[in-house]
Amino acid sequence: MVSVLDSGALEMAWVQIAVATLSGNSLTQTVHTHRASVHQAAKLTAAFLRVATVTAGLAESNGGIPPGL
């Protein structure tokens, strides 16, 4: 038979497990979101470098950088 004290301790243990699980899920979501942000930043940087390379190539072939760039 479970006494009142044991029941309270058991309830506290379940609460601690629930909090740890929620914290773990929150951390997992945070890591996933961070990875997605880093991936998006890498894609944007690659796109910018492609545009810069094309612009530099055009400027070189035309003898200079077009006005406004």
PDB file of N, CA and C in Angstrom:
ATOM      1  N   MET A   1       0.840  -1.177   0.000  1.00  0.00           N
ATOM      2  CA  MET A   1       0.000   0.000   0.000  1.00  0.00           C
ATOM      3  C   MET A   1       0.890   1.247   0.000  1.00  0.00           C
ATOM      4  N   VAL A   2       0.480   2.271  -0.739  1.00  0.00           N
ATOM      5  CA  VAL A   2       1.248   3.509  -0.851  1.00  0.00           C
ATOM      6  C   VAL A   2       0.741   4.496   0.178  1.00  0.00           C
ATOM      7  N   SER A   3       1.659   5.033   0.991  1.00  0.00           N
ATOM      8  CA  SER A   3       1.258   6.014   1.995  1.00  0.00           C
ATOM      9  C   SER A   3       1.114   7.384   1.330  1.00  0.00           C
ATOM     10  N   VAL A   4       0.593   8.356   2.061  1.00  0.00           N
ATOM     11  CA  VAL A   4       0.412   9.714   1.545  1.00  0.00           C
ATOM     12  C   VAL A   4       1.760  10.306   1.175  1.00  0.00           C
ATOM     13  N   LEU A   5       2.774  10.070   1.998  1.00  0.00           N
ATOM     14  CA  LEU A   5       4.102  10.600   1.735  1.00  0.00           C
ATOM     15  C   LEU A   5       4.672   9.995   0.455  1.00  0.00           C
ATOM     16  N   ASP A   6       4.520   8.674   0.306  1.00  0.00           N
ATOM     17  CA  ASP A   6       5.019   8.010  -0.889  1.00  0.00           C
ATOM     18  C   ASP A   6       4.260   8.494  -2.128  1.00  0.00           C
ATOM     19  N   SER A   7       2.981   8.718  -1.994  1.00  0.00           N
ATOM     20  CA  SER A   7       2.173   9.194  -3.102  1.00  0.00           C
ATOM     21  C   SER A   7       2.640  10.581  -3.545  1.00  0.00           C
ATOM     22  N   GLY A   8       2.941  11.445  -2.591  1.00  0.00           N
ATOM     23  CA  GLY A   8       3.437  12.781  -2.906  1.00  0.00           C
ATOM     24  C   GLY A   8       4.793  12.713  -3.597  1.00  0.00           C
ATOM     25  N   ALA A   9       5.654  11.844  -3.135  1.00  0.00           N
ATOM     26  CA  ALA A   9       6.973  11.685  -3.728  1.00  0.00           C
ATOM     27  C   ALA A   9       6.844  11.134  -5.151  1.00  0.00           C
ATOM     28  N   LEU A  10       5.924  10.198  -5.336  1.00  0.00           N
ATOM     29  CA  LEU A  10       5.694   9.624  -6.658  1.00  0.00           C
ATOM     30  C   LEU A  10       5.171  10.692  -7.614  1.00  0.00           C
ATOM     31  N   GLU A  11       4.236  11.505  -7.120  1.00  0.00           N
ATOM     32  CA  GLU A  11       3.696  12.591  -7.955  1.00  0.00           C
ATOM     33  C   GLU A  11       4.805  13.569  -8.326  1.00  0.00           C
ATOM     34  N   MET A  12       5.678  13.906  -7.395  1.00  0.00           N
ATOM     35  CA  MET A  12       6.781  14.820  -7.663  1.00  0.00           C
ATOM     36  C   MET A  12       7.726  14.229  -8.703  1.00  0.00           C
ATOM     37  N   ALA A  13       7.969  12.927  -8.622  1.00  0.00           N
ATOM     38  CA  ALA A  13       8.838  12.271  -9.602  1.00  0.00           C
ATOM     39  C   ALA A  13       8.230  12.361 -10.997  1.00  0.00           C
ATOM     40  N   TRP A  14       6.920  12.148 -11.097  1.00  0.00           N
ATOM     41  CA  TRP A  14       6.250  12.236 -12.401  1.00  0.00           C
ATOM     42  C   TRP A  14       6.315  13.657 -12.949  1.00  0.00           C
ATOM     43  N   VAL A  15       6.178  14.633 -12.084  1.00  0.00           N
ATOM     44  CA  VAL A  15       6.274  16.038 -12.511  1.00  0.00           C
ATOM     45  C   VAL A  15       7.687  16.319 -13.023  1.00  0.00           C
ATOM     46  N   GLN A  16       8.691  15.822 -12.318  1.00  0.00           N
ATOM     47  CA  GLN A  16      10.074  16.034 -12.752  1.00  0.00           C
ATOM     48  C   GLN A  16      10.336  15.361 -14.094  1.00  0.00           C
ATOM     49  N   ILE A  17       9.793  14.180 -14.303  1.00  0.00           N
ATOM     50  CA  ILE A  17       9.945  13.481 -15.585  1.00  0.00           C
ATOM     51  C   ILE A  17       9.262  14.275 -16.698  1.00  0.00           C
ATOM     52  N   ALA A  18       8.064  14.780 -16.409  1.00  0.00           N
ATOM     53  CA  ALA A  18       7.334  15.563 -17.407  1.00  0.00           C
ATOM     54  C   ALA A  18       8.098  16.828 -17.767  1.00  0.00           C
ATOM     55  N   VAL A  19       8.649  17.507 -16.778  1.00  0.00           N
ATOM     56  CA  VAL A  19       9.415  18.738 -17.033  1.00  0.00           C
ATOM     57  C   VAL A  19      10.668  18.414 -17.844  1.00  0.00           C
ATOM     58  N   ALA A  20      11.352  17.353 -17.496  1.00  0.00           N
ATOM     59  CA  ALA A  20      12.561  16.965 -18.234  1.00  0.00           C
ATOM     60  C   ALA A  20      12.221  16.621 -19.675  1.00  0.00           C
ATOM     61  N   THR A  21      11.110  15.934 -19.884  1.00  0.00           N
ATOM     62  CA  THR A  21      10.686  15.576 -21.242  1.00  0.00           C
ATOM     63  C   THR A  21      10.355  16.819 -22.042  1.00  0.00           C
ATOM     64  N   LEU A  22       9.607  17.730 -21.440  1.00  0.00           N
ATOM     65  CA  LEU A  22       9.256  18.972 -22.132  1.00  0.00           C
ATOM     66  C   LEU A  22      10.504  19.794 -22.422  1.00  0.00           C
ATOM     67  N   SER A  23      11.429  19.843 -21.486  1.00  0.00           N
ATOM     68  CA  SER A  23      12.678  20.585 -21.693  1.00  0.00           C
ATOM     69  C   SER A  23      13.472  19.974 -22.835  1.00  0.00           C
ATOM     70  N   GLY A  24      13.533  18.662 -22.878  1.00  0.00           N
ATOM     71  CA  GLY A  24      14.240  17.967 -23.957  1.00  0.00           C
ATOM     72  C   GLY A  24      13.602  18.239 -25.303  1.00  0.00           C
ATOM     73  N   ASN A  25      12.268  18.213 -25.357  1.00  0.00           N
ATOM     74  CA  ASN A  25      11.570  18.494 -26.605  1.00  0.00           C
ATOM     75  C   ASN A  25      11.800  19.931 -27.032  1.00  0.00           C
ATOM     76  N   SER A  26      11.796  20.851 -26.076  1.00  0.00           N
ATOM     77  CA  SER A  26      12.024  22.257 -26.371  1.00  0.00           C
ATOM     78  C   SER A  26      13.439  22.453 -26.910  1.00  0.00           C
ATOM     79  N   LEU A  27      14.406  21.800 -26.306  1.00  0.00           N
ATOM     80  CA  LEU A  27      15.791  21.894 -26.762  1.00  0.00           C
ATOM     81  C   LEU A  27      15.924  21.319 -28.163  1.00  0.00           C
ATOM     82  N   THR A  28      15.277  20.186 -28.408  1.00  0.00           N
ATOM     83  CA  THR A  28      15.317  19.578 -29.739  1.00  0.00           C
ATOM     84  C   THR A  28      14.744  20.532 -30.778  1.00  0.00           C
ATOM     85  N   GLN A  29      13.624  21.170 -30.454  1.00  0.00           N
ATOM     86  CA  GLN A  29      13.002  22.123 -31.373  1.00  0.00           C
ATOM     87  C   GLN A  29      13.920  23.325 -31.596  1.00  0.00           C
ATOM     88  N   THR A  30      14.570  23.788 -30.534  1.00  0.00           N
ATOM     89  CA  THR A  30      15.490  24.927 -30.651  1.00  0.00           C
ATOM     90  C   THR A  30      16.654  24.584 -31.569  1.00  0.00           C
ATOM     91  N   VAL A  31      17.216  23.399 -31.393  1.00  0.00           N
ATOM     92  CA  VAL A  31      18.339  22.966 -32.237  1.00  0.00           C
ATOM     93  C   VAL A  31      17.887  22.849 -33.686  1.00  0.00           C
ATOM     94  N   HIS A  32      16.715  22.269 -33.898  1.00  0.00           N
ATOM     95  CA  HIS A  32      16.184  22.117 -35.251  1.00  0.00           C
ATOM     96  C   HIS A  32      15.990  23.485 -35.908  1.00  0.00           C
ATOM     97  N   THR A  33      15.418  24.428 -35.167  1.00  0.00           N
ATOM     98  CA  THR A  33      15.184  25.776 -35.689  1.00  0.00           C
ATOM     99  C   THR A  33      16.507  26.465 -36.011  1.00  0.00           C
ATOM    100  N   HIS A  34      17.496  26.292 -35.131  1.00  0.00           N
ATOM    101  CA  HIS A  34      18.811  26.902 -35.356  1.00  0.00           C
ATOM    102  C   HIS A  34      19.454  26.327 -36.612  1.00  0.00           C
ATOM    103  N   ARG A  35      19.377  25.009 -36.782  1.00  0.00           N
ATOM    104  CA  ARG A  35      19.951  24.380 -37.974  1.00  0.00           C
ATOM    105  C   ARG A  35      19.272  24.889 -39.237  1.00  0.00           C
ATOM    106  N   ALA A  36      17.950  25.026 -39.193  1.00  0.00           N
ATOM    107  CA  ALA A  36      17.211  25.529 -40.351  1.00  0.00           C
ATOM    108  C   ALA A  36      17.638  26.959 -40.670  1.00  0.00           C
ATOM    109  N   SER A  37      17.847  27.780 -39.642  1.00  0.00           N
ATOM    110  CA  SER A  37      18.279  29.165 -39.843  1.00  0.00           C
ATOM    111  C   SER A  37      19.676  29.220 -40.457  1.00  0.00           C
ATOM    112  N   VAL A  38      20.571  28.390 -39.968  1.00  0.00           N
ATOM    113  CA  VAL A  38      21.935  28.346 -40.504  1.00  0.00           C
ATOM    114  C   VAL A  38      21.903  27.885 -41.954  1.00  0.00           C
ATOM    115  N   HIS A  39      21.095  26.888 -42.244  1.00  0.00           N
ATOM    116  CA  HIS A  39      20.971  26.383 -43.615  1.00  0.00           C
ATOM    117  C   HIS A  39      20.442  27.480 -44.539  1.00  0.00           C
ATOM    118  N   GLN A  40      19.423  28.200 -44.087  1.00  0.00           N
ATOM    119  CA  GLN A  40      18.855  29.291 -44.884  1.00  0.00           C
ATOM    120  C   GLN A  40      19.889  30.384 -45.116  1.00  0.00           C
ATOM    121  N   ALA A  41      20.654  30.726 -44.100  1.00  0.00           N
ATOM    122  CA  ALA A  41      21.697  31.743 -44.242  1.00  0.00           C
ATOM    123  C   ALA A  41      22.758  31.290 -45.243  1.00  0.00           C
ATOM    124  N   ALA A  42      23.114  30.019 -45.206  1.00  0.00           N
ATOM    125  CA  ALA A  42      24.102  29.490 -46.155  1.00  0.00           C
ATOM    126  C   ALA A  42      23.575  29.575 -47.584  1.00  0.00           C
ATOM    127  N   LYS A  43      22.297  29.264 -47.778  1.00  0.00           N
ATOM    128  CA  LYS A  43      21.705  29.350 -49.113  1.00  0.00           C
ATOM    129  C   LYS A  43      21.695  30.796 -49.618  1.00  0.00           C
ATOM    130  N   LEU A  44      21.342  31.737 -48.739  1.00  0.00           N
ATOM    131  CA  LEU A  44      21.329  33.145 -49.131  1.00  0.00           C
ATOM    132  C   LEU A  44      22.734  33.642 -49.463  1.00  0.00           C
ATOM    133  N   THR A  45      23.721  33.220 -48.677  1.00  0.00           N
ATOM    134  CA  THR A  45      25.103  33.611 -48.931  1.00  0.00           C
ATOM    135  C   THR A  45      25.579  33.062 -50.270  1.00  0.00           C
ATOM    136  N   ALA A  46      25.249  31.812 -50.562  1.00  0.00           N
ATOM    137  CA  ALA A  46      25.640  31.214 -51.839  1.00  0.00           C
ATOM    138  C   ALA A  46      24.996  31.960 -53.001  1.00  0.00           C
ATOM    139  N   ALA A  47      23.719  32.320 -52.848  1.00  0.00           N
ATOM    140  CA  ALA A  47      23.033  33.070 -53.909  1.00  0.00           C
ATOM    141  C   ALA A  47      23.691  34.435 -54.102  1.00  0.00           C
ATOM    142  N   PHE A  48      24.026  35.109 -53.012  1.00  0.00           N
ATOM    143  CA  PHE A  48      24.686  36.407 -53.103  1.00  0.00           C
ATOM    144  C   PHE A  48      26.029  36.283 -53.817  1.00  0.00           C
ATOM    145  N   LEU A  49      26.799  35.258 -53.483  1.00  0.00           N
ATOM    146  CA  LEU A  49      28.099  35.069 -54.119  1.00  0.00           C
ATOM    147  C   LEU A  49      27.957  34.776 -55.610  1.00  0.00           C
ATOM    148  N   ARG A  50      26.911  34.029 -55.983  1.00  0.00           N
ATOM    149  CA  ARG A  50      26.677  33.776 -57.413  1.00  0.00           C
ATOM    150  C   ARG A  50      26.384  35.084 -58.141  1.00  0.00           C
ATOM    151  N   VAL A  51      25.531  35.916 -57.555  1.00  0.00           N
ATOM    152  CA  VAL A  51      25.202  37.211 -58.165  1.00  0.00           C
ATOM    153  C   VAL A  51      26.447  38.083 -58.249  1.00  0.00           C
ATOM    154  N   ALA A  52      27.240  38.122 -57.193  1.00  0.00           N
ATOM    155  CA  ALA A  52      28.459  38.933 -57.184  1.00  0.00           C
ATOM    156  C   ALA A  52      29.440  38.444 -58.248  1.00  0.00           C
ATOM    157  N   THR A  53      29.550  37.141 -58.410  1.00  0.00           N
ATOM    158  CA  THR A  53      30.453  36.578 -59.410  1.00  0.00           C
ATOM    159  C   THR A  53      30.000  36.939 -60.817  1.00  0.00           C
ATOM    160  N   VAL A  54      28.704  36.796 -61.075  1.00  0.00           N
ATOM    161  CA  VAL A  54      28.167  37.142 -62.388  1.00  0.00           C
ATOM    162  C   VAL A  54      28.359  38.632 -62.653  1.00  0.00           C
ATOM    163  N   THR A  55      28.070  39.461 -61.662  1.00  0.00           N
ATOM    164  CA  THR A  55      28.222  40.912 -61.815  1.00  0.00           C
ATOM    165  C   THR A  55      29.678  41.277 -62.097  1.00  0.00           C
ATOM    166  N   ALA A  56      30.600  40.657 -61.366  1.00  0.00           N
ATOM    167  CA  ALA A  56      32.020  40.924 -61.586  1.00  0.00           C
ATOM    168  C   ALA A  56      32.440  40.468 -62.979  1.00  0.00           C
ATOM    169  N   GLY A  57      31.943  39.330 -63.410  1.00  0.00           N
ATOM    170  CA  GLY A  57      32.258  38.831 -64.755  1.00  0.00           C
ATOM    171  C   GLY A  57      31.730  39.755 -65.833  1.00  0.00           C
ATOM    172  N   LEU A  58      30.513  40.239 -65.661  1.00  0.00           N
ATOM    173  CA  LEU A  58      29.943  41.182 -66.630  1.00  0.00           C
ATOM    174  C   LEU A  58      30.726  42.487 -66.655  1.00  0.00           C
ATOM    175  N   ALA A  59      31.088  42.971 -65.465  1.00  0.00           N
ATOM    176  CA  ALA A  59      31.840  44.214 -65.379  1.00  0.00           C
ATOM    177  C   ALA A  59      33.195  44.060 -66.070  1.00  0.00           C
ATOM    178  N   GLU A  60      33.822  42.926 -65.877  1.00  0.00           N
ATOM    179  CA  GLU A  60      35.133  42.693 -66.496  1.00  0.00           C
ATOM    180  C   GLU A  60      35.010  42.605 -68.012  1.00  0.00           C
ATOM    181  N   SER A  61      33.976  41.915 -68.493  1.00  0.00           N
ATOM    182  CA  SER A  61      33.805  41.770 -69.937  1.00  0.00           C
ATOM    183  C   SER A  61      33.397  43.084 -70.600  1.00  0.00           C
ATOM    184  N   ASN A  62      32.756  43.973 -69.860  1.00  0.00           N
ATOM    185  CA  ASN A  62      32.322  45.266 -70.395  1.00  0.00           C
ATOM    186  C   ASN A  62      33.336  46.371 -70.138  1.00  0.00           C
ATOM    187  N   GLY A  63      34.402  46.079 -69.439  1.00  0.00           N
ATOM    188  CA  GLY A  63      35.410  47.087 -69.191  1.00  0.00           C
ATOM    189  C   GLY A  63      35.164  47.931 -67.947  1.00  0.00           C
ATOM    190  N   GLY A  64      34.199  47.582 -67.123  1.00  0.00           N
ATOM    191  CA  GLY A  64      33.968  48.335 -65.901  1.00  0.00           C
ATOM    192  C   GLY A  64      32.666  47.931 -65.238  1.00  0.00           C
ATOM    193  N   ILE A  65      32.466  48.424 -64.046  1.00  0.00           N
ATOM    194  CA  ILE A  65      31.239  48.128 -63.309  1.00  0.00           C
ATOM    195  C   ILE A  65      30.144  49.064 -63.796  1.00  0.00           C
ATOM    196  N   PRO A  66      28.975  48.514 -64.122  1.00  0.00           N
ATOM    197  CA  PRO A  66      27.874  49.364 -64.581  1.00  0.00           C
ATOM    198  C   PRO A  66      27.481  50.394 -63.527  1.00  0.00           C
ATOM    199  N   PRO A  67      27.035  51.581 -63.954  1.00  0.00           N
ATOM    200  CA  PRO A  67      26.625  52.593 -62.982  1.00  0.00           C
ATOM    201  C   PRO A  67      25.508  52.096 -62.078  1.00  0.00           C
ATOM    202  N   GLY A  68      25.593  52.444 -60.815  1.00  0.00           N
ATOM    203  CA  GLY A  68      24.572  52.047 -59.855  1.00  0.00           C
ATOM    204  C   GLY A  68      24.823  50.730 -59.173  1.00  0.00           C
ATOM    205  N   LEU A  69      25.912  50.051 -59.496  1.00  0.00           N
ATOM    206  CA  LEU A  69      26.208  48.767 -58.832  1.00  0.00           C
ATOM    207  C   LEU A  69      27.400  48.899 -57.946  1.00  0.00           C
TER     208      LEU A  69
END
